Amino acid sequence: MDGTLEAMTTATATDATVTTATTTDATVTDATTAAVTATPPGDPEPPREASVRRRELAAFLRSRRERVTPEQVGLVRGPRRRTPGLRREEVAHLAAVGVTWYTWIEQGRATHVSAQVLDAVARALLLDATERAHLFTLAGTADPRAGAECTGAPASALRIVERLAPYPASLQNARYDVLAANRPFAQLFGDPAELPPDDRNCLWLLATSERWKRDFLDRDEMLRDMIAKYRAGMAEHVADPLWQGRLDRLMRVSAEFRALWERHEVAPMSPHVKRYRHPVVGLVRLEHRNMWLAPQAPARRIVAYVPADEDSEERLERLAGLSGE
């Protein structure tokens, strides 16, 4: 009798172990396929804001899925289809992610969705640029394609930059990349178009350019201030590979940058006067002014350098009269 009970107990424990292992394998498979983590049923509720964000993401995906017809993505509709748009399993197949995981996303149960999965889903649902940006914002994930796709300068912004002559002016993004510059900027500070694309950045030039080190008379103070502003701005883009890539490159090449970065100083955007010594016209004192073109991504601003005194204005006008440089 005791032997029978022991055998039954052992068999039950073995079945439970097999069931647990099978469940664990299935969970691992879904998580591996999606390259993400999830909150399984029964876990404590996350903070309210995250819960609201997940519900909005779920509703947005459902609305986009119902909008796309099978024919648009190369699928056969079939005579008995009643679902408006695509089925969940069809989206999962097109995006090459697990059906269970995609279902969890649409049910608002996924705590974090990777950029890789979001990119695949955006392509499967034929999202345009605005819809894609909204998708990544709802998911709280940085879009790795955002910076690369938004490097162009709007024609209207370019006209403003040109019309600011004889004042130096440029179009920059929040990372200090110079997207465009007028002739006075090129004459005074050097022409960004002559530099490799990855070097057309004010923080990079201030940290590494011998010309900028020599001619900006307040260069050390400017570099410290700009690094503090970059750190403050990066707080909203900690997962953005473009922000991180710029930081990594500067950390590799400049010991001075590394030392200043490790101070963890932050500073706001504010107007201030810069002193610049041009080899031909001499000392120019310029007030640095920003005009943001839009509050949302991609954040671009027109940066103008306005003379701080009459002597500086006269020297800028003389510089504008020079041909060539």
Protein backbone atom coordinates (compact mmCIF):
# COMPACT_ATOMS: atom_id res chain seq x y z
CA MET A 1 0.00 0.00 0.00
CA ASP A 2 2.78 2.40 1.02
CA GLY A 3 4.68 1.49 -2.15
CA THR A 4 1.60 2.24 -4.28
CA LEU A 5 1.11 5.64 -2.65
CA GLU A 6 4.77 6.49 -3.13
CA ALA A 7 4.59 5.54 -6.82
CA MET A 8 1.46 7.67 -7.31
CA THR A 9 3.07 10.65 -5.56
CA THR A 10 6.19 10.34 -7.70
CA ALA A 11 4.16 10.15 -10.90
CA THR A 12 2.12 13.23 -9.94
CA ALA A 13 5.25 15.21 -9.14
CA THR A 14 6.80 14.14 -12.43
CA ASP A 15 3.70 15.27 -14.39
CA ALA A 16 3.77 18.63 -12.61
CA THR A 17 7.45 19.05 -13.43
CA VAL A 18 6.86 18.22 -17.11
CA THR A 19 3.93 20.65 -17.25
CA THR A 20 6.01 23.41 -15.66
CA ALA A 21 8.91 22.76 -18.02
CA THR A 22 6.60 22.81 -21.04
CA THR A 23 5.04 26.10 -19.91
CA THR A 24 8.47 27.59 -19.28
CA ASP A 25 9.74 26.50 -22.71
CA ALA A 26 6.71 28.09 -24.40
CA THR A 27 7.23 31.36 -22.52
CA VAL A 28 10.93 31.44 -23.38
CA THR A 29 10.17 30.75 -27.04
CA ASP A 30 7.71 33.65 -27.26
CA ALA A 31 10.07 35.98 -25.42
CA THR A 32 13.02 34.99 -27.60
CA THR A 33 11.03 35.46 -30.79
CA ALA A 34 9.89 38.92 -29.73
CA ALA A 35 13.21 39.96 -28.19
CA VAL A 36 11.31 41.56 -25.33
CA THR A 37 10.05 40.97 -21.78
CA ALA A 38 6.46 40.78 -20.61
CA THR A 39 4.35 40.74 -17.49
CA PRO A 40 2.52 37.39 -17.22
CA PRO A 41 -1.06 37.25 -15.96
CA GLY A 42 -1.34 37.67 -12.22
CA ASP A 43 1.65 39.97 -11.75
CA PRO A 44 1.06 43.22 -9.84
CA GLU A 45 -0.28 46.14 -11.89
CA PRO A 46 2.45 48.55 -13.14
CA PRO A 47 2.23 52.30 -12.45
CA ARG A 48 -0.93 53.94 -13.75
CA GLU A 49 0.85 55.97 -16.44
CA ALA A 50 2.47 52.88 -17.93
CA SER A 51 -0.90 51.12 -17.88
CA VAL A 52 -2.56 54.01 -19.73
CA ARG A 53 0.26 54.05 -22.29
CA ARG A 54 -0.13 50.31 -22.94
CA ARG A 55 -3.89 50.66 -23.44
CA GLU A 56 -3.35 53.49 -25.91
CA LEU A 57 -0.75 51.43 -27.76
CA ALA A 58 -3.11 48.45 -27.90
CA ALA A 59 -6.00 50.56 -29.23
CA PHE A 60 -3.79 52.22 -31.82
CA LEU A 61 -2.49 48.89 -33.14
CA ARG A 62 -6.01 47.45 -33.37
CA SER A 63 -7.19 50.48 -35.33
CA ARG A 64 -4.27 50.26 -37.76
CA ARG A 65 -4.67 46.50 -38.17
CA GLU A 66 -8.37 46.86 -39.04
CA ARG A 67 -7.53 49.46 -41.65
CA VAL A 68 -5.13 47.31 -43.72
CA THR A 69 -6.76 44.95 -46.24
CA PRO A 70 -5.29 41.51 -47.03
CA GLU A 71 -4.77 42.54 -50.62
CA GLN A 72 -2.51 45.45 -49.55
CA VAL A 73 -0.01 43.02 -48.02
CA GLY A 74 -0.25 40.27 -50.61
CA LEU A 75 -2.68 37.96 -48.78
CA VAL A 76 -5.76 36.22 -50.18
CA ARG A 77 -8.98 37.46 -48.60
CA GLY A 78 -10.94 34.22 -48.77
CA PRO A 79 -14.76 33.85 -49.00
CA ARG A 80 -15.53 33.56 -45.26
CA ARG A 81 -13.48 36.42 -43.84
CA ARG A 82 -15.47 38.58 -41.45
CA THR A 83 -12.58 40.36 -39.72
CA PRO A 84 -12.19 43.98 -40.86
CA GLY A 85 -8.65 44.32 -42.09
CA LEU A 86 -6.01 41.81 -40.98
CA ARG A 87 -6.18 39.13 -38.33
CA ARG A 88 -3.74 39.22 -35.42
CA GLU A 89 -1.99 36.09 -36.57
CA GLU A 90 -1.53 37.62 -40.02
CA VAL A 91 0.16 40.69 -38.54
CA ALA A 92 2.36 38.46 -36.40
CA HIS A 93 3.32 36.41 -39.47
CA LEU A 94 4.11 39.51 -41.55
CA ALA A 95 6.19 40.98 -38.72
CA ALA A 96 7.89 37.64 -37.94
CA VAL A 97 7.00 37.80 -34.23
CA GLY A 98 5.18 35.30 -32.04
CA VAL A 99 1.38 35.28 -32.29
CA THR A 100 1.09 35.11 -28.50
CA TRP A 101 3.38 38.06 -28.02
CA TYR A 102 1.62 40.22 -30.61
CA THR A 103 -1.72 39.32 -28.98
CA TRP A 104 -0.36 40.44 -25.61
CA ILE A 105 0.68 43.77 -27.12
CA GLU A 106 -2.82 44.33 -28.52
CA GLN A 107 -4.31 43.38 -25.17
CA GLY A 108 -2.13 45.90 -23.31
CA ARG A 109 -0.32 43.16 -21.37
CA ALA A 110 3.25 43.71 -22.67
CA THR A 111 5.45 45.78 -20.37
CA HIS A 112 8.18 46.53 -22.89
CA VAL A 113 8.35 46.07 -26.64
CA SER A 114 11.74 46.26 -28.34
CA ALA A 115 12.55 48.67 -31.17
CA GLN A 116 13.13 45.65 -33.42
CA VAL A 117 9.58 44.36 -32.88
CA LEU A 118 8.04 47.83 -33.23
CA ASP A 119 9.89 48.36 -36.50
CA ALA A 120 8.63 45.03 -37.85
CA VAL A 121 5.04 45.75 -36.79
CA ALA A 122 5.18 49.26 -38.29
CA ARG A 123 6.24 47.77 -41.62
CA ALA A 124 3.60 45.05 -41.47
CA LEU A 125 0.85 47.60 -40.82
CA LEU A 126 2.13 49.98 -43.52
CA LEU A 127 2.46 52.89 -41.09
CA ASP A 128 3.50 56.26 -42.46
CA ALA A 129 6.16 58.41 -40.77
CA THR A 130 3.71 60.16 -38.42
CA GLU A 131 2.02 56.91 -37.40
CA ARG A 132 5.38 55.24 -36.86
CA ALA A 133 6.56 58.07 -34.60
CA HIS A 134 3.29 57.81 -32.64
CA LEU A 135 3.77 54.05 -32.26
CA PHE A 136 7.26 54.41 -30.80
CA THR A 137 6.14 57.24 -28.52
CA LEU A 138 3.29 55.17 -27.09
CA ALA A 139 5.67 52.26 -26.54
CA GLY A 140 8.19 54.52 -24.78
CA THR A 141 10.96 53.27 -27.07
CA ALA A 142 13.43 55.26 -29.19
CA ASP A 143 13.05 54.78 -32.93
CA PRO A 144 16.50 53.90 -34.35
CA ARG A 145 15.44 55.18 -37.77
CA ALA A 146 14.17 58.58 -36.62
CA GLY A 147 17.44 60.52 -36.74
CA ALA A 148 18.62 58.99 -40.00
CA GLU A 149 15.35 59.82 -41.73
CA CYS A 150 15.14 63.42 -40.51
CA THR A 151 18.50 64.88 -41.46
CA GLY A 152 17.09 67.01 -44.28
CA ALA A 153 16.43 70.69 -43.80
CA PRO A 154 13.02 72.26 -44.62
CA ALA A 155 13.22 74.75 -47.48
CA SER A 156 11.53 77.47 -45.41
CA ALA A 157 14.13 77.08 -42.63
CA LEU A 158 16.95 77.29 -45.17
CA ARG A 159 15.53 80.57 -46.51
CA ILE A 160 15.44 82.04 -43.00
CA VAL A 161 19.04 80.99 -42.35
CA GLU A 162 20.18 82.61 -45.63
CA ARG A 163 18.18 85.82 -45.03
CA LEU A 164 19.88 86.37 -41.66
CA ALA A 165 23.11 87.37 -43.46
CA PRO A 166 25.34 89.23 -42.67
CA TYR A 167 24.72 87.59 -39.31
CA PRO A 168 26.11 84.05 -39.02
CA ALA A 169 23.33 81.48 -38.71
CA SER A 170 22.84 77.75 -38.92
CA LEU A 171 20.12 75.13 -38.69
CA GLN A 172 20.83 72.58 -35.95
CA ASN A 173 19.09 69.73 -34.21
CA ALA A 174 19.03 69.09 -30.47
CA ARG A 175 22.33 67.15 -30.69
CA TYR A 176 24.15 70.22 -32.13
CA ASP A 177 24.43 68.65 -35.59
CA VAL A 178 24.76 71.44 -38.17
CA LEU A 179 22.19 70.63 -40.87
CA ALA A 180 22.76 73.84 -42.85
CA ALA A 181 24.66 77.11 -42.51
CA ASN A 182 24.77 80.45 -44.31
CA ARG A 183 27.84 82.06 -45.87
CA PRO A 184 28.71 84.32 -42.89
CA PHE A 185 28.75 81.23 -40.63
CA ALA A 186 31.12 79.49 -43.04
CA GLN A 187 33.33 82.59 -43.31
CA LEU A 188 33.57 83.06 -39.56
CA PHE A 189 33.68 79.52 -38.17
CA GLY A 190 34.59 77.37 -41.19
CA ASP A 191 32.37 75.73 -43.77
CA PRO A 192 30.59 72.62 -42.39
CA ALA A 193 30.12 71.35 -45.96
CA GLU A 194 33.88 70.79 -46.18
CA LEU A 195 33.82 68.39 -43.20
CA PRO A 196 32.87 64.71 -43.10
CA PRO A 197 29.14 64.40 -42.21
CA ASP A 198 29.83 62.98 -38.75
CA ASP A 199 32.09 65.97 -37.90
CA ARG A 200 29.44 68.61 -38.67
CA ASN A 201 28.56 69.04 -35.03
CA CYS A 202 29.27 72.03 -32.79
CA LEU A 203 30.04 69.93 -29.71
CA TRP A 204 32.46 67.79 -31.71
CA LEU A 205 34.17 70.85 -33.20
CA LEU A 206 34.45 72.64 -29.88
CA ALA A 207 36.04 69.55 -28.33
CA THR A 208 38.36 68.52 -31.19
CA SER A 209 38.86 71.30 -33.78
CA GLU A 210 42.18 73.17 -33.45
CA ARG A 211 40.64 76.17 -35.21
CA TRP A 212 37.73 76.37 -32.75
CA LYS A 213 40.07 75.86 -29.79
CA ARG A 214 42.25 78.73 -31.03
CA ASP A 215 39.67 81.28 -32.18
CA PHE A 216 36.87 80.95 -29.60
CA LEU A 217 38.35 83.00 -26.77
CA ASP A 218 35.95 81.53 -24.17
CA ARG A 219 36.29 78.04 -25.54
CA ASP A 220 36.89 76.21 -22.23
CA GLU A 221 33.83 77.75 -20.60
CA MET A 222 31.78 77.15 -23.75
CA LEU A 223 32.74 73.47 -23.87
CA ARG A 224 31.81 72.90 -20.24
CA ASP A 225 28.47 74.67 -20.79
CA MET A 226 27.69 72.76 -23.99
CA ILE A 227 28.47 69.39 -22.40
CA ALA A 228 26.12 70.25 -19.52
CA LYS A 229 23.40 71.13 -22.03
CA TYR A 230 24.00 67.93 -23.98
CA ARG A 231 23.61 65.88 -20.79
CA ALA A 232 20.37 67.70 -19.94
CA GLY A 233 19.02 67.12 -23.44
CA MET A 234 20.08 63.48 -23.52
CA ALA A 235 17.92 62.71 -20.47
CA GLU A 236 14.95 62.54 -22.86
CA HIS A 237 16.87 60.35 -25.33
CA VAL A 238 18.79 57.90 -23.17
CA ALA A 239 17.90 54.97 -25.44
CA ASP A 240 18.49 56.85 -28.70
CA PRO A 241 21.46 55.33 -30.57
CA LEU A 242 22.28 58.64 -32.28
CA TRP A 243 22.68 60.50 -28.98
CA GLN A 244 24.64 57.60 -27.51
CA GLY A 245 26.79 57.28 -30.63
CA ARG A 246 27.82 60.94 -30.45
CA LEU A 247 28.64 60.55 -26.76
CA ASP A 248 30.66 57.35 -27.32
CA ARG A 249 32.73 58.94 -30.08
CA LEU A 250 33.60 61.98 -27.97
CA MET A 251 34.44 59.79 -24.97
CA ARG A 252 36.87 57.80 -27.13
CA VAL A 253 38.81 60.71 -28.62
CA SER A 254 38.84 63.40 -25.92
CA ALA A 255 40.15 62.99 -22.38
CA GLU A 256 39.02 66.55 -21.68
CA PHE A 257 35.47 65.67 -22.72
CA ARG A 258 35.51 62.53 -20.54
CA ALA A 259 36.58 64.51 -17.48
CA LEU A 260 33.87 67.14 -17.99
CA TRP A 261 31.19 64.54 -18.71
CA GLU A 262 31.96 62.73 -15.49
CA ARG A 263 31.07 65.86 -13.51
CA HIS A 264 27.38 65.20 -14.29
CA GLU A 265 26.65 68.91 -14.70
CA VAL A 266 23.44 70.03 -16.45
CA ALA A 267 22.49 73.44 -17.81
CA PRO A 268 19.48 74.98 -19.61
CA MET A 269 19.46 76.59 -23.03
CA SER A 270 20.07 80.32 -22.54
CA PRO A 271 21.37 83.28 -24.60
CA HIS A 272 24.94 84.34 -23.95
CA VAL A 273 27.78 86.29 -25.58
CA LYS A 274 30.65 84.53 -27.33
CA ARG A 275 33.97 86.12 -28.23
CA TYR A 276 35.54 85.02 -31.49
CA ARG A 277 38.84 86.17 -33.00
CA HIS A 278 38.79 86.13 -36.81
CA PRO A 279 42.22 86.27 -38.50
CA VAL A 280 41.12 89.08 -40.88
CA VAL A 281 38.47 91.26 -39.20
CA GLY A 282 39.59 90.70 -35.61
CA LEU A 283 37.54 90.33 -32.42
CA VAL A 284 33.81 89.75 -32.84
CA ARG A 285 31.43 89.56 -29.86
CA LEU A 286 28.28 87.65 -30.71
CA GLU A 287 25.10 86.94 -28.79
CA HIS A 288 23.89 83.37 -29.30
CA ARG A 289 20.12 83.13 -30.03
CA ASN A 290 17.95 80.03 -30.61
CA MET A 291 14.64 79.81 -32.44
CA TRP A 292 13.04 76.35 -32.18
CA LEU A 293 10.99 75.45 -35.24
CA ALA A 294 8.76 72.85 -33.55
CA PRO A 295 8.33 71.50 -30.02
CA GLN A 296 8.12 67.87 -31.13
CA ALA A 297 10.60 65.55 -32.82
CA PRO A 298 12.55 66.10 -34.94
CA ALA A 299 13.50 69.15 -32.86
CA ARG A 300 15.30 71.67 -35.06
CA ARG A 301 16.36 75.21 -34.27
CA ILE A 302 17.79 78.16 -36.10
CA VAL A 303 20.88 79.39 -34.27
CA ALA A 304 21.75 83.03 -34.99
CA TYR A 305 24.83 84.93 -33.83
CA VAL A 306 23.81 88.57 -33.32
CA PRO A 307 26.47 91.28 -32.85
CA ALA A 308 26.71 92.31 -29.21
CA ASP A 309 28.11 95.78 -30.00
CA GLU A 310 28.59 98.22 -32.89
CA ASP A 311 32.20 97.24 -33.49
CA SER A 312 31.20 93.60 -33.96
CA GLU A 313 28.42 94.57 -36.34
CA GLU A 314 30.84 96.65 -38.45
CA ARG A 315 33.32 93.75 -38.57
CA LEU A 316 30.62 91.29 -39.67
CA GLU A 317 29.62 93.64 -42.47
CA ARG A 318 33.27 93.90 -43.50
CA LEU A 319 33.55 90.12 -43.45
CA ALA A 320 30.47 89.85 -45.68
CA GLY A 321 32.21 92.05 -48.23
CA LEU A 322 35.13 89.68 -48.53
CA SER A 323 35.00 87.35 -51.53
CA GLY A 324 35.53 83.69 -51.11
CA GLU A 325 36.52 82.68 -47.62
